[in-house]
Amino acid sequence: MNQKLTAWWDLDFAGFRKELLKAFRQEIPLKDRNDWDALLAARKAERQRLTREIVDLEGELNERVYRLFDLTREEVRIIEETTKYPYGEV
């Protein structure tokens, strides 16, 4: 698979079809396109929901650890700036 298909959730259905054609040299049959479009939309929504849930749970865990170690606001700011990662930005 190519890089764009690896991040399929960033593609709309037309872009998804285009990348499938590039990667596999095969088009989605016309009779199956509605099913594929619906499946892609459902999977995107599920991925977004799960990502939000992970981010929320990680935030909750981080807060508990900060309290456990009695960290100052400045210490928390330093930790959060140096450990920020992109998938947490939903």
Protein backbone atom coordinates (compact mmCIF):
# COMPACT_ATOMS: atom_id res chain seq x y z
CA MET A 1 0.00 0.00 0.00
CA ASN A 2 1.09 3.55 -0.58
CA GLN A 3 1.39 6.26 2.06
CA LYS A 4 -1.99 7.81 1.31
CA LEU A 5 -3.79 4.49 1.68
CA THR A 6 -1.99 3.87 4.94
CA ALA A 7 -3.74 7.03 6.22
CA TRP A 8 -7.04 6.16 4.50
CA TRP A 9 -9.07 8.14 7.05
CA ASP A 10 -7.71 11.38 5.55
CA LEU A 11 -9.19 10.59 2.12
CA ASP A 12 -12.66 11.25 0.81
CA PHE A 13 -14.23 8.41 -1.19
CA ALA A 14 -13.04 9.77 -4.56
CA GLY A 15 -9.50 10.09 -3.24
CA PHE A 16 -9.70 6.62 -1.72
CA ARG A 17 -10.77 5.14 -5.08
CA LYS A 18 -7.97 7.01 -6.86
CA GLU A 19 -5.34 5.66 -4.46
CA LEU A 20 -6.72 2.12 -4.71
CA LEU A 21 -6.45 2.34 -8.47
CA LYS A 22 -2.85 3.58 -8.23
CA ALA A 23 -1.79 0.96 -5.69
CA PHE A 24 -3.65 -2.09 -6.99
CA ARG A 25 -4.46 -1.12 -10.60
CA GLN A 26 -8.04 -2.13 -10.00
CA GLU A 27 -11.22 -0.07 -9.73
CA ILE A 28 -14.03 -0.67 -7.25
CA PRO A 29 -16.91 -2.11 -9.30
CA LEU A 30 -19.74 0.35 -9.83
CA LYS A 31 -22.27 -1.93 -8.12
CA ASP A 32 -20.12 -1.99 -4.95
CA ARG A 33 -19.27 1.72 -4.67
CA ASN A 34 -22.19 2.68 -2.42
CA ASP A 35 -21.29 -0.10 0.00
CA TRP A 36 -17.64 0.94 0.00
CA ASP A 37 -18.54 4.61 0.48
CA ALA A 38 -20.75 3.76 3.47
CA LEU A 39 -18.12 1.44 4.94
CA LEU A 40 -15.39 4.06 4.59
CA ALA A 41 -17.57 6.70 6.28
CA ALA A 42 -18.47 4.34 9.13
CA ARG A 43 -14.85 3.32 9.69
CA LYS A 44 -13.71 6.96 9.67
CA ALA A 45 -16.30 7.83 12.32
CA GLU A 46 -15.28 4.83 14.45
CA ARG A 47 -11.59 5.75 14.15
CA GLN A 48 -12.31 9.32 15.17
CA ARG A 49 -14.43 8.17 18.14
CA LEU A 50 -11.74 5.77 19.33
CA THR A 51 -9.00 8.37 18.90
CA ARG A 52 -10.98 10.85 20.99
CA GLU A 53 -11.52 8.19 23.65
CA ILE A 54 -7.81 7.36 23.76
CA VAL A 55 -6.87 11.04 24.02
CA ASP A 56 -9.39 11.58 26.83
CA LEU A 57 -8.18 8.54 28.77
CA GLU A 58 -4.53 9.49 28.33
CA GLY A 59 -5.32 13.00 29.56
CA GLU A 60 -7.05 11.57 32.60
CA LEU A 61 -4.12 9.25 33.29
CA ASN A 62 -1.65 12.12 32.90
CA GLU A 63 -3.60 14.25 35.40
CA ARG A 64 -3.56 11.43 37.93
CA VAL A 65 0.20 10.96 37.53
CA TYR A 66 0.79 14.72 37.86
CA ARG A 67 -1.20 14.75 41.12
CA LEU A 68 0.50 11.58 42.38
CA PHE A 69 3.93 13.17 41.96
CA ASP A 70 2.67 16.60 43.09
CA LEU A 71 4.04 18.30 39.98
CA THR A 72 3.93 22.06 39.59
CA ARG A 73 2.20 23.76 36.65
CA GLU A 74 5.60 24.53 35.16
CA GLU A 75 6.70 20.89 35.40
CA VAL A 76 3.44 19.76 33.78
CA ARG A 77 3.87 22.34 30.98
CA ILE A 78 7.40 21.10 30.26
CA ILE A 79 6.28 17.46 30.18
CA GLU A 80 3.33 18.18 27.91
CA GLU A 81 5.38 20.30 25.48
CA THR A 82 8.12 17.69 25.15
CA THR A 83 5.82 14.67 24.82
CA LYS A 84 3.16 16.07 22.46
CA TYR A 85 2.30 13.80 19.53
CA PRO A 86 0.07 14.51 16.53
CA TYR A 87 -2.55 11.77 16.82
CA GLY A 88 -3.79 13.34 19.99
CA GLU A 89 -5.05 16.31 18.02
CA VAL A 90 -8.48 15.16 16.97
